[in-house]
Amino acid sequence: MISVLTVAQFSLPGGTEMLIVLIVALLLFGNRLPQVARSLGKSLNEFRKGMQGLEQELRSAINETPPPSPPRTQRPENEEDRQPPVAPKFIPPATPPEETPPPSEVAG
């Protein structure tokens, strides 16, 4: 089983690798290396600012109060406009129910 420490050791460049990267950068960019480094620094700074803005936006959205509940329906204010509640009326069926034989008499 590979541990996380082993994976981290292989993914991070050491001193020798960093020296090789610096030599290659010097050969590629030469006199423009300070300008490239400055540009890279500005880009990283802008990226951090963007990430902070996104983080603040997410936190404010999480901490935001829930939207207000919908308004209630208005009730009539006058006693004359109010109607008393009415219970449903029972209407008997038009035909009497059929009589069924008890379960013991049913042929099975």
PDB file of N, CA and C in Angstrom:
ATOM      1  N   MET A   1       0.844  -1.179   0.000  1.00  0.00           N
ATOM      2  CA  MET A   1       0.000   0.000   0.000  1.00  0.00           C
ATOM      3  C   MET A   1       0.893   1.247   0.000  1.00  0.00           C
ATOM      4  N   ILE A   2       0.581   2.200  -0.861  1.00  0.00           N
ATOM      5  CA  ILE A   2       1.379   3.418  -0.982  1.00  0.00           C
ATOM      6  C   ILE A   2       0.844   4.451  -0.003  1.00  0.00           C
ATOM      7  N   SER A   3       1.725   4.993   0.804  1.00  0.00           N
ATOM      8  CA  SER A   3       1.291   6.004   1.767  1.00  0.00           C
ATOM      9  C   SER A   3       1.272   7.375   1.107  1.00  0.00           C
ATOM     10  N   VAL A   4       0.572   8.299   1.732  1.00  0.00           N
ATOM     11  CA  VAL A   4       0.465   9.664   1.222  1.00  0.00           C
ATOM     12  C   VAL A   4       1.833  10.338   1.255  1.00  0.00           C
ATOM     13  N   LEU A   5       2.626  10.044   2.255  1.00  0.00           N
ATOM     14  CA  LEU A   5       3.955  10.640   2.377  1.00  0.00           C
ATOM     15  C   LEU A   5       4.840  10.243   1.199  1.00  0.00           C
ATOM     16  N   THR A   6       4.759   8.979   0.775  1.00  0.00           N
ATOM     17  CA  THR A   6       5.552   8.515  -0.357  1.00  0.00           C
ATOM     18  C   THR A   6       5.158   9.244  -1.633  1.00  0.00           C
ATOM     19  N   VAL A   7       3.866   9.417  -1.860  1.00  0.00           N
ATOM     20  CA  VAL A   7       3.385  10.122  -3.046  1.00  0.00           C
ATOM     21  C   VAL A   7       3.828  11.579  -3.005  1.00  0.00           C
ATOM     22  N   ALA A   8       3.768  12.217  -1.842  1.00  0.00           N
ATOM     23  CA  ALA A   8       4.160  13.615  -1.710  1.00  0.00           C
ATOM     24  C   ALA A   8       5.650  13.789  -1.971  1.00  0.00           C
ATOM     25  N   GLN A   9       6.469  12.816  -1.579  1.00  0.00           N
ATOM     26  CA  GLN A   9       7.902  12.919  -1.799  1.00  0.00           C
ATOM     27  C   GLN A   9       8.243  12.892  -3.283  1.00  0.00           C
ATOM     28  N   PHE A  10       7.519  12.117  -4.057  1.00  0.00           N
ATOM     29  CA  PHE A  10       7.805  12.024  -5.480  1.00  0.00           C
ATOM     30  C   PHE A  10       7.242  13.197  -6.269  1.00  0.00           C
ATOM     31  N   SER A  11       6.199  13.853  -5.770  1.00  0.00           N
ATOM     32  CA  SER A  11       5.585  14.926  -6.536  1.00  0.00           C
ATOM     33  C   SER A  11       6.250  16.282  -6.312  1.00  0.00           C
ATOM     34  N   LEU A  12       6.961  16.470  -5.220  1.00  0.00           N
ATOM     35  CA  LEU A  12       7.601  17.754  -4.942  1.00  0.00           C
ATOM     36  C   LEU A  12       9.032  17.750  -5.481  1.00  0.00           C
ATOM     37  N   PRO A  13       9.412  18.815  -6.214  1.00  0.00           N
ATOM     38  CA  PRO A  13      10.792  18.865  -6.722  1.00  0.00           C
ATOM     39  C   PRO A  13      11.782  19.170  -5.600  1.00  0.00           C
ATOM     40  N   GLY A  14      12.929  18.533  -5.670  1.00  0.00           N
ATOM     41  CA  GLY A  14      13.971  18.752  -4.675  1.00  0.00           C
ATOM     42  C   GLY A  14      14.919  19.851  -5.118  1.00  0.00           C
ATOM     43  N   GLY A  15      16.069  19.936  -4.436  1.00  0.00           N
ATOM     44  CA  GLY A  15      17.052  20.978  -4.737  1.00  0.00           C
ATOM     45  C   GLY A  15      17.634  20.852  -6.133  1.00  0.00           C
ATOM     46  N   THR A  16      17.993  19.641  -6.537  1.00  0.00           N
ATOM     47  CA  THR A  16      18.581  19.430  -7.859  1.00  0.00           C
ATOM     48  C   THR A  16      17.589  19.763  -8.960  1.00  0.00           C
ATOM     49  N   GLU A  17      16.347  19.332  -8.789  1.00  0.00           N
ATOM     50  CA  GLU A  17      15.325  19.606  -9.802  1.00  0.00           C
ATOM     51  C   GLU A  17      15.056  21.099  -9.924  1.00  0.00           C
ATOM     52  N   MET A  18      15.026  21.804  -8.793  1.00  0.00           N
ATOM     53  CA  MET A  18      14.795  23.250  -8.822  1.00  0.00           C
ATOM     54  C   MET A  18      15.942  23.967  -9.537  1.00  0.00           C
ATOM     55  N   LEU A  19      17.172  23.506  -9.323  1.00  0.00           N
ATOM     56  CA  LEU A  19      18.328  24.100  -9.992  1.00  0.00           C
ATOM     57  C   LEU A  19      18.226  23.912 -11.503  1.00  0.00           C
ATOM     58  N   ILE A  20      17.822  22.730 -11.936  1.00  0.00           N
ATOM     59  CA  ILE A  20      17.658  22.460 -13.371  1.00  0.00           C
ATOM     60  C   ILE A  20      16.571  23.350 -13.958  1.00  0.00           C
ATOM     61  N   VAL A  21      15.457  23.509 -13.243  1.00  0.00           N
ATOM     62  CA  VAL A  21      14.368  24.364 -13.724  1.00  0.00           C
ATOM     63  C   VAL A  21      14.845  25.806 -13.848  1.00  0.00           C
ATOM     64  N   LEU A  22      15.614  26.301 -12.886  1.00  0.00           N
ATOM     65  CA  LEU A  22      16.132  27.671 -12.948  1.00  0.00           C
ATOM     66  C   LEU A  22      17.092  27.865 -14.123  1.00  0.00           C
ATOM     67  N   ILE A  23      17.950  26.882 -14.385  1.00  0.00           N
ATOM     68  CA  ILE A  23      18.885  26.982 -15.515  1.00  0.00           C
ATOM     69  C   ILE A  23      18.122  27.004 -16.835  1.00  0.00           C
ATOM     70  N   VAL A  24      17.108  26.135 -16.966  1.00  0.00           N
ATOM     71  CA  VAL A  24      16.298  26.112 -18.190  1.00  0.00           C
ATOM     72  C   VAL A  24      15.559  27.434 -18.356  1.00  0.00           C
ATOM     73  N   ALA A  25      15.016  27.989 -17.273  1.00  0.00           N
ATOM     74  CA  ALA A  25      14.312  29.271 -17.348  1.00  0.00           C
ATOM     75  C   ALA A  25      15.270  30.380 -17.763  1.00  0.00           C
ATOM     76  N   LEU A  26      16.480  30.351 -17.233  1.00  0.00           N
ATOM     77  CA  LEU A  26      17.471  31.367 -17.599  1.00  0.00           C
ATOM     78  C   LEU A  26      17.840  31.265 -19.073  1.00  0.00           C
ATOM     79  N   LEU A  27      17.984  30.035 -19.578  1.00  0.00           N
ATOM     80  CA  LEU A  27      18.315  29.847 -20.991  1.00  0.00           C
ATOM     81  C   LEU A  27      17.167  30.288 -21.899  1.00  0.00           C
ATOM     82  N   LEU A  28      15.935  30.001 -21.490  1.00  0.00           N
ATOM     83  CA  LEU A  28      14.785  30.345 -22.333  1.00  0.00           C
ATOM     84  C   LEU A  28      14.497  31.842 -22.331  1.00  0.00           C
ATOM     85  N   PHE A  29      14.507  32.463 -21.167  1.00  0.00           N
ATOM     86  CA  PHE A  29      14.057  33.849 -21.069  1.00  0.00           C
ATOM     87  C   PHE A  29      15.207  34.856 -21.028  1.00  0.00           C
ATOM     88  N   GLY A  30      16.367  34.462 -20.587  1.00  0.00           N
ATOM     89  CA  GLY A  30      17.538  35.336 -20.598  1.00  0.00           C
ATOM     90  C   GLY A  30      17.301  36.647 -19.884  1.00  0.00           C
ATOM     91  N   ASN A  31      17.447  37.763 -20.625  1.00  0.00           N
ATOM     92  CA  ASN A  31      17.319  39.098 -20.038  1.00  0.00           C
ATOM     93  C   ASN A  31      15.881  39.422 -19.632  1.00  0.00           C
ATOM     94  N   ARG A  32      14.932  38.732 -20.212  1.00  0.00           N
ATOM     95  CA  ARG A  32      13.521  39.003 -19.890  1.00  0.00           C
ATOM     96  C   ARG A  32      13.064  38.284 -18.627  1.00  0.00           C
ATOM     97  N   LEU A  33      13.917  37.517 -17.991  1.00  0.00           N
ATOM     98  CA  LEU A  33      13.537  36.741 -16.804  1.00  0.00           C
ATOM     99  C   LEU A  33      12.935  37.611 -15.700  1.00  0.00           C
ATOM    100  N   PRO A  34      13.469  38.789 -15.375  1.00  0.00           N
ATOM    101  CA  PRO A  34      12.827  39.630 -14.351  1.00  0.00           C
ATOM    102  C   PRO A  34      11.418  40.070 -14.754  1.00  0.00           C
ATOM    103  N   GLN A  35      11.229  40.379 -16.032  1.00  0.00           N
ATOM    104  CA  GLN A  35       9.894  40.775 -16.502  1.00  0.00           C
ATOM    105  C   GLN A  35       8.923  39.606 -16.405  1.00  0.00           C
ATOM    106  N   VAL A  36       9.381  38.419 -16.777  1.00  0.00           N
ATOM    107  CA  VAL A  36       8.530  37.227 -16.711  1.00  0.00           C
ATOM    108  C   VAL A  36       8.176  36.923 -15.260  1.00  0.00           C
ATOM    109  N   ALA A  37       9.151  37.042 -14.363  1.00  0.00           N
ATOM    110  CA  ALA A  37       8.890  36.781 -12.942  1.00  0.00           C
ATOM    111  C   ALA A  37       7.898  37.796 -12.385  1.00  0.00           C
ATOM    112  N   ARG A  38       8.053  39.071 -12.768  1.00  0.00           N
ATOM    113  CA  ARG A  38       7.122  40.107 -12.326  1.00  0.00           C
ATOM    114  C   ARG A  38       5.710  39.810 -12.833  1.00  0.00           C
ATOM    115  N   SER A  39       5.629  39.437 -14.100  1.00  0.00           N
ATOM    116  CA  SER A  39       4.329  39.123 -14.701  1.00  0.00           C
ATOM    117  C   SER A  39       3.687  37.921 -14.010  1.00  0.00           C
ATOM    118  N   LEU A  40       4.504  36.919 -13.723  1.00  0.00           N
ATOM    119  CA  LEU A  40       3.994  35.733 -13.031  1.00  0.00           C
ATOM    120  C   LEU A  40       3.513  36.091 -11.630  1.00  0.00           C
ATOM    121  N   GLY A  41       4.252  36.957 -10.935  1.00  0.00           N
ATOM    122  CA  GLY A  41       3.847  37.401  -9.594  1.00  0.00           C
ATOM    123  C   GLY A  41       2.529  38.151  -9.622  1.00  0.00           C
ATOM    124  N   LYS A  42       2.361  39.039 -10.614  1.00  0.00           N
ATOM    125  CA  LYS A  42       1.100  39.779 -10.737  1.00  0.00           C
ATOM    126  C   LYS A  42      -0.062  38.835 -11.031  1.00  0.00           C
ATOM    127  N   SER A  43       0.192  37.856 -11.892  1.00  0.00           N
ATOM    128  CA  SER A  43      -0.867  36.894 -12.228  1.00  0.00           C
ATOM    129  C   SER A  43      -1.292  36.096 -11.001  1.00  0.00           C
ATOM    130  N   LEU A  44      -0.306  35.654 -10.219  1.00  0.00           N
ATOM    131  CA  LEU A  44      -0.632  34.909  -8.999  1.00  0.00           C
ATOM    132  C   LEU A  44      -1.398  35.782  -8.008  1.00  0.00           C
ATOM    133  N   ASN A  45      -1.028  37.051  -7.910  1.00  0.00           N
ATOM    134  CA  ASN A  45      -1.710  37.975  -7.010  1.00  0.00           C
ATOM    135  C   ASN A  45      -3.167  38.159  -7.441  1.00  0.00           C
ATOM    136  N   GLU A  46      -3.403  38.338  -8.732  1.00  0.00           N
ATOM    137  CA  GLU A  46      -4.769  38.478  -9.246  1.00  0.00           C
ATOM    138  C   GLU A  46      -5.578  37.209  -8.993  1.00  0.00           C
ATOM    139  N   PHE A  47      -4.936  36.065  -9.158  1.00  0.00           N
ATOM    140  CA  PHE A  47      -5.618  34.792  -8.913  1.00  0.00           C
ATOM    141  C   PHE A  47      -6.037  34.686  -7.451  1.00  0.00           C
ATOM    142  N   ARG A  48      -5.146  35.069  -6.535  1.00  0.00           N
ATOM    143  CA  ARG A  48      -5.479  35.027  -5.102  1.00  0.00           C
ATOM    144  C   ARG A  48      -6.637  35.964  -4.778  1.00  0.00           C
ATOM    145  N   LYS A  49      -6.614  37.170  -5.357  1.00  0.00           N
ATOM    146  CA  LYS A  49      -7.708  38.118  -5.123  1.00  0.00           C
ATOM    147  C   LYS A  49      -9.032  37.552  -5.623  1.00  0.00           C
ATOM    148  N   GLY A  50      -8.985  36.928  -6.784  1.00  0.00           N
ATOM    149  CA  GLY A  50     -10.200  36.317  -7.325  1.00  0.00           C
ATOM    150  C   GLY A  50     -10.717  35.200  -6.435  1.00  0.00           C
ATOM    151  N   MET A  51      -9.806  34.392  -5.911  1.00  0.00           N
ATOM    152  CA  MET A  51     -10.211  33.301  -5.022  1.00  0.00           C
ATOM    153  C   MET A  51     -10.784  33.847  -3.719  1.00  0.00           C
ATOM    154  N   GLN A  52     -10.198  34.924  -3.190  1.00  0.00           N
ATOM    155  CA  GLN A  52     -10.725  35.530  -1.963  1.00  0.00           C
ATOM    156  C   GLN A  52     -12.117  36.097  -2.209  1.00  0.00           C
ATOM    157  N   GLY A  53     -12.310  36.733  -3.362  1.00  0.00           N
ATOM    158  CA  GLY A  53     -13.632  37.268  -3.702  1.00  0.00           C
ATOM    159  C   GLY A  53     -14.663  36.160  -3.807  1.00  0.00           C
ATOM    160  N   LEU A  54     -14.271  35.052  -4.430  1.00  0.00           N
ATOM    161  CA  LEU A  54     -15.182  33.917  -4.554  1.00  0.00           C
ATOM    162  C   LEU A  54     -15.499  33.331  -3.185  1.00  0.00           C
ATOM    163  N   GLU A  55     -14.487  33.233  -2.341  1.00  0.00           N
ATOM    164  CA  GLU A  55     -14.687  32.694  -0.994  1.00  0.00           C
ATOM    165  C   GLU A  55     -15.632  33.583  -0.183  1.00  0.00           C
ATOM    166  N   GLN A  56     -15.446  34.907  -0.274  1.00  0.00           N
ATOM    167  CA  GLN A  56     -16.327  35.831   0.441  1.00  0.00           C
ATOM    168  C   GLN A  56     -17.755  35.727  -0.082  1.00  0.00           C
ATOM    169  N   GLU A  57     -17.896  35.573  -1.380  1.00  0.00           N
ATOM    170  CA  GLU A  57     -19.226  35.448  -1.972  1.00  0.00           C
ATOM    171  C   GLU A  57     -19.926  34.189  -1.470  1.00  0.00           C
ATOM    172  N   LEU A  58     -19.187  33.085  -1.420  1.00  0.00           N
ATOM    173  CA  LEU A  58     -19.770  31.836  -0.932  1.00  0.00           C
ATOM    174  C   LEU A  58     -20.147  31.946   0.544  1.00  0.00           C
ATOM    175  N   ARG A  59     -19.277  32.554   1.340  1.00  0.00           N
ATOM    176  CA  ARG A  59     -19.581  32.698   2.772  1.00  0.00           C
ATOM    177  C   ARG A  59     -20.801  33.583   2.994  1.00  0.00           C
ATOM    178  N   SER A  60     -20.907  34.651   2.231  1.00  0.00           N
ATOM    179  CA  SER A  60     -22.068  35.529   2.400  1.00  0.00           C
ATOM    180  C   SER A  60     -23.342  34.822   1.959  1.00  0.00           C
ATOM    181  N   ALA A  61     -23.247  33.976   0.935  1.00  0.00           N
ATOM    182  CA  ALA A  61     -24.426  33.233   0.497  1.00  0.00           C
ATOM    183  C   ALA A  61     -24.841  32.211   1.551  1.00  0.00           C
ATOM    184  N   ILE A  62     -23.869  31.614   2.221  1.00  0.00           N
ATOM    185  CA  ILE A  62     -24.179  30.629   3.259  1.00  0.00           C
ATOM    186  C   ILE A  62     -24.779  31.314   4.479  1.00  0.00           C
ATOM    187  N   ASN A  63     -24.219  32.458   4.862  1.00  0.00           N
ATOM    188  CA  ASN A  63     -24.675  33.162   6.060  1.00  0.00           C
ATOM    189  C   ASN A  63     -25.909  34.016   5.820  1.00  0.00           C
ATOM    190  N   GLU A  64     -26.331  34.110   4.593  1.00  0.00           N
ATOM    191  CA  GLU A  64     -27.485  34.944   4.255  1.00  0.00           C
ATOM    192  C   GLU A  64     -28.742  34.404   4.936  1.00  0.00           C
ATOM    193  N   THR A  65     -29.578  35.303   5.390  1.00  0.00           N
ATOM    194  CA  THR A  65     -30.823  34.883   6.020  1.00  0.00           C
ATOM    195  C   THR A  65     -31.734  34.275   4.967  1.00  0.00           C
ATOM    196  N   PRO A  66     -32.581  33.325   5.368  1.00  0.00           N
ATOM    197  CA  PRO A  66     -33.476  32.710   4.385  1.00  0.00           C
ATOM    198  C   PRO A  66     -34.466  33.737   3.853  1.00  0.00           C
ATOM    199  N   PRO A  67     -34.959  33.524   2.651  1.00  0.00           N
ATOM    200  CA  PRO A  67     -35.909  34.483   2.087  1.00  0.00           C
ATOM    201  C   PRO A  67     -37.173  34.542   2.938  1.00  0.00           C
ATOM    202  N   PRO A  68     -37.817  35.693   2.988  1.00  0.00           N
ATOM    203  CA  PRO A  68     -39.022  35.815   3.813  1.00  0.00           C
ATOM    204  C   PRO A  68     -40.130  34.909   3.295  1.00  0.00           C
ATOM    205  N   SER A  69     -40.971  34.482   4.239  1.00  0.00           N
ATOM    206  CA  SER A  69     -42.072  33.605   3.850  1.00  0.00           C
ATOM    207  C   SER A  69     -43.078  34.399   3.022  1.00  0.00           C
ATOM    208  N   PRO A  70     -43.846  33.708   2.170  1.00  0.00           N
ATOM    209  CA  PRO A  70     -44.813  34.429   1.337  1.00  0.00           C
ATOM    210  C   PRO A  70     -45.871  35.101   2.206  1.00  0.00           C
ATOM    211  N   PRO A  71     -46.411  36.212   1.743  1.00  0.00           N
ATOM    212  CA  PRO A  71     -47.411  36.922   2.556  1.00  0.00           C
ATOM    213  C   PRO A  71     -48.669  36.074   2.739  1.00  0.00           C
ATOM    214  N   ARG A  72     -49.265  36.241   3.889  1.00  0.00           N
ATOM    215  CA  ARG A  72     -50.496  35.499   4.187  1.00  0.00           C
ATOM    216  C   ARG A  72     -51.663  36.115   3.431  1.00  0.00           C
ATOM    217  N   THR A  73     -52.658  35.298   3.184  1.00  0.00           N
ATOM    218  CA  THR A  73     -53.850  35.826   2.521  1.00  0.00           C
ATOM    219  C   THR A  73     -54.585  36.728   3.497  1.00  0.00           C
ATOM    220  N   GLN A  74     -55.171  37.754   2.976  1.00  0.00           N
ATOM    221  CA  GLN A  74     -55.860  38.704   3.840  1.00  0.00           C
ATOM    222  C   GLN A  74     -57.224  38.153   4.235  1.00  0.00           C
ATOM    223  N   ARG A  75     -57.515  38.333   5.492  1.00  0.00           N
ATOM    224  CA  ARG A  75     -58.826  37.920   5.998  1.00  0.00           C
ATOM    225  C   ARG A  75     -59.734  39.141   6.020  1.00  0.00           C
ATOM    226  N   PRO A  76     -61.023  38.929   5.858  1.00  0.00           N
ATOM    227  CA  PRO A  76     -61.939  40.077   5.924  1.00  0.00           C
ATOM    228  C   PRO A  76     -61.911  40.689   7.323  1.00  0.00           C
ATOM    229  N   GLU A  77     -61.891  42.004   7.368  1.00  0.00           N
ATOM    230  CA  GLU A  77     -61.803  42.691   8.649  1.00  0.00           C
ATOM    231  C   GLU A  77     -63.173  42.918   9.277  1.00  0.00           C
ATOM    232  N   ASN A  78     -64.198  43.025   8.493  1.00  0.00           N
ATOM    233  CA  ASN A  78     -65.534  43.283   9.025  1.00  0.00           C
ATOM    234  C   ASN A  78     -66.189  41.982   9.451  1.00  0.00           C
ATOM    235  N   GLU A  79     -66.943  42.052  10.527  1.00  0.00           N
ATOM    236  CA  GLU A  79     -67.688  40.883  10.988  1.00  0.00           C
ATOM    237  C   GLU A  79     -68.741  40.473   9.962  1.00  0.00           C
ATOM    238  N   GLU A  80     -69.272  41.443   9.247  1.00  0.00           N
ATOM    239  CA  GLU A  80     -70.305  41.143   8.259  1.00  0.00           C
ATOM    240  C   GLU A  80     -69.735  40.353   7.086  1.00  0.00           C
ATOM    241  N   ASP A  81     -68.474  40.595   6.750  1.00  0.00           N
ATOM    242  CA  ASP A  81     -67.852  39.908   5.619  1.00  0.00           C
ATOM    243  C   ASP A  81     -67.456  38.476   5.958  1.00  0.00           C
ATOM    244  N   ARG A  82     -67.324  38.185   7.235  1.00  0.00           N
ATOM    245  CA  ARG A  82     -66.927  36.830   7.631  1.00  0.00           C
ATOM    246  C   ARG A  82     -68.104  35.879   7.498  1.00  0.00           C
ATOM    247  N   GLN A  83     -67.803  34.688   7.037  1.00  0.00           N
ATOM    248  CA  GLN A  83     -68.830  33.652   6.948  1.00  0.00           C
ATOM    249  C   GLN A  83     -68.446  32.544   7.918  1.00  0.00           C
ATOM    250  N   PRO A  84     -69.424  32.019   8.632  1.00  0.00           N
ATOM    251  CA  PRO A  84     -69.094  30.947   9.578  1.00  0.00           C
ATOM    252  C   PRO A  84     -68.665  29.695   8.810  1.00  0.00           C
ATOM    253  N   PRO A  85     -67.788  28.913   9.398  1.00  0.00           N
ATOM    254  CA  PRO A  85     -67.375  27.682   8.725  1.00  0.00           C
ATOM    255  C   PRO A  85     -68.554  26.727   8.599  1.00  0.00           C
ATOM    256  N   VAL A  86     -68.606  26.054   7.485  1.00  0.00           N
ATOM    257  CA  VAL A  86     -69.711  25.143   7.203  1.00  0.00           C
ATOM    258  C   VAL A  86     -69.156  23.727   7.154  1.00  0.00           C
ATOM    259  N   ALA A  87     -69.815  22.821   7.914  1.00  0.00           N
ATOM    260  CA  ALA A  87     -69.408  21.425   7.905  1.00  0.00           C
ATOM    261  C   ALA A  87     -69.963  20.756   6.654  1.00  0.00           C
ATOM    262  N   PRO A  88     -69.254  19.786   6.094  1.00  0.00           N
ATOM    263  CA  PRO A  88     -69.779  19.096   4.917  1.00  0.00           C
ATOM    264  C   PRO A  88     -71.045  18.316   5.273  1.00  0.00           C
ATOM    265  N   LYS A  89     -71.961  18.266   4.335  1.00  0.00           N
ATOM    266  CA  LYS A  89     -73.222  17.562   4.565  1.00  0.00           C
ATOM    267  C   LYS A  89     -73.112  16.139   4.041  1.00  0.00           C
ATOM    268  N   PHE A  90     -73.712  15.212   4.793  1.00  0.00           N
ATOM    269  CA  PHE A  90     -73.717  13.816   4.382  1.00  0.00           C
ATOM    270  C   PHE A  90     -74.898  13.577   3.455  1.00  0.00           C
ATOM    271  N   ILE A  91     -74.612  13.006   2.299  1.00  0.00           N
ATOM    272  CA  ILE A  91     -75.673  12.658   1.348  1.00  0.00           C
ATOM    273  C   ILE A  91     -75.690  11.138   1.263  1.00  0.00           C
ATOM    274  N   PRO A  92     -76.818  10.514   1.646  1.00  0.00           N
ATOM    275  CA  PRO A  92     -76.873   9.046   1.602  1.00  0.00           C
ATOM    276  C   PRO A  92     -76.814   8.547   0.153  1.00  0.00           C
ATOM    277  N   PRO A  93     -76.307   7.317  -0.057  1.00  0.00           N
ATOM    278  CA  PRO A  93     -76.240   6.776  -1.417  1.00  0.00           C
ATOM    279  C   PRO A  93     -77.645   6.586  -1.994  1.00  0.00           C
ATOM    280  N   ALA A  94     -77.750   6.674  -3.323  1.00  0.00           N
ATOM    281  CA  ALA A  94     -79.045   6.575  -4.001  1.00  0.00           C
ATOM    282  C   ALA A  94     -79.619   5.168  -3.906  1.00  0.00           C
ATOM    283  N   THR A  95     -78.806   4.136  -3.963  1.00  0.00           N
ATOM    284  CA  THR A  95     -79.300   2.752  -3.879  1.00  0.00           C
ATOM    285  C   THR A  95     -78.757   2.110  -2.619  1.00  0.00           C
ATOM    286  N   PRO A  96     -79.535   1.241  -1.998  1.00  0.00           N
ATOM    287  CA  PRO A  96     -79.039   0.565  -0.796  1.00  0.00           C
ATOM    288  C   PRO A  96     -77.902  -0.394  -1.168  1.00  0.00           C
ATOM    289  N   PRO A  97     -76.955  -0.610  -0.275  1.00  0.00           N
ATOM    290  CA  PRO A  97     -75.844  -1.516  -0.582  1.00  0.00           C
ATOM    291  C   PRO A  97     -76.334  -2.951  -0.715  1.00  0.00           C
ATOM    292  N   GLU A  98     -75.673  -3.703  -1.588  1.00  0.00           N
ATOM    293  CA  GLU A  98     -76.046  -5.110  -1.784  1.00  0.00           C
ATOM    294  C   GLU A  98     -75.608  -5.918  -0.578  1.00  0.00           C
ATOM    295  N   GLU A  99     -76.438  -6.897  -0.262  1.00  0.00           N
ATOM    296  CA  GLU A  99     -76.079  -7.762   0.857  1.00  0.00           C
ATOM    297  C   GLU A  99     -75.185  -8.869   0.342  1.00  0.00           C
ATOM    298  N   THR A 100     -74.076  -9.089   1.036  1.00  0.00           N
ATOM    299  CA  THR A 100     -73.161 -10.162   0.653  1.00  0.00           C
ATOM    300  C   THR A 100     -73.261 -11.269   1.682  1.00  0.00           C
ATOM    301  N   PRO A 101     -73.145 -12.513   1.234  1.00  0.00           N
ATOM    302  CA  PRO A 101     -73.233 -13.627   2.192  1.00  0.00           C
ATOM    303  C   PRO A 101     -72.009 -13.634   3.103  1.00  0.00           C
ATOM    304  N   PRO A 102     -72.145 -14.151   4.303  1.00  0.00           N
ATOM    305  CA  PRO A 102     -71.002 -14.241   5.211  1.00  0.00           C
ATOM    306  C   PRO A 102     -69.889 -15.078   4.572  1.00  0.00           C
ATOM    307  N   PRO A 103     -68.641 -14.905   4.980  1.00  0.00           N
ATOM    308  CA  PRO A 103     -67.512 -15.616   4.370  1.00  0.00           C
ATOM    309  C   PRO A 103     -67.604 -17.130   4.480  1.00  0.00           C
ATOM    310  N   SER A 104     -68.286 -17.663   5.483  1.00  0.00           N
ATOM    311  CA  SER A 104     -68.373 -19.121   5.632  1.00  0.00           C
ATOM    312  C   SER A 104     -69.262 -19.745   4.562  1.00  0.00           C
ATOM    313  N   GLU A 105     -70.196 -19.005   3.991  1.00  0.00           N
ATOM    314  CA  GLU A 105     -71.110 -19.550   2.996  1.00  0.00           C
ATOM    315  C   GLU A 105     -70.566 -19.430   1.571  1.00  0.00           C
ATOM    316  N   VAL A 106     -69.503 -18.723   1.368  1.00  0.00           N
ATOM    317  CA  VAL A 106     -68.949 -18.547   0.023  1.00  0.00           C
ATOM    318  C   VAL A 106     -68.247 -19.833  -0.386  1.00  0.00           C
ATOM    319  N   ALA A 107     -68.539 -20.309  -1.611  1.00  0.00           N
ATOM    320  CA  ALA A 107     -67.921 -21.545  -2.103  1.00  0.00           C
ATOM    321  C   ALA A 107     -66.484 -21.254  -2.491  1.00  0.00           C
ATOM    322  N   GLY A 108     -65.593 -22.155  -2.170  1.00  0.00           N
ATOM    323  CA  GLY A 108     -64.203 -21.867  -2.428  1.00  0.00           C
ATOM    324  C   GLY A 108     -63.624 -22.841  -3.293  1.00  0.00           C
TER     325      GLY A 108
END
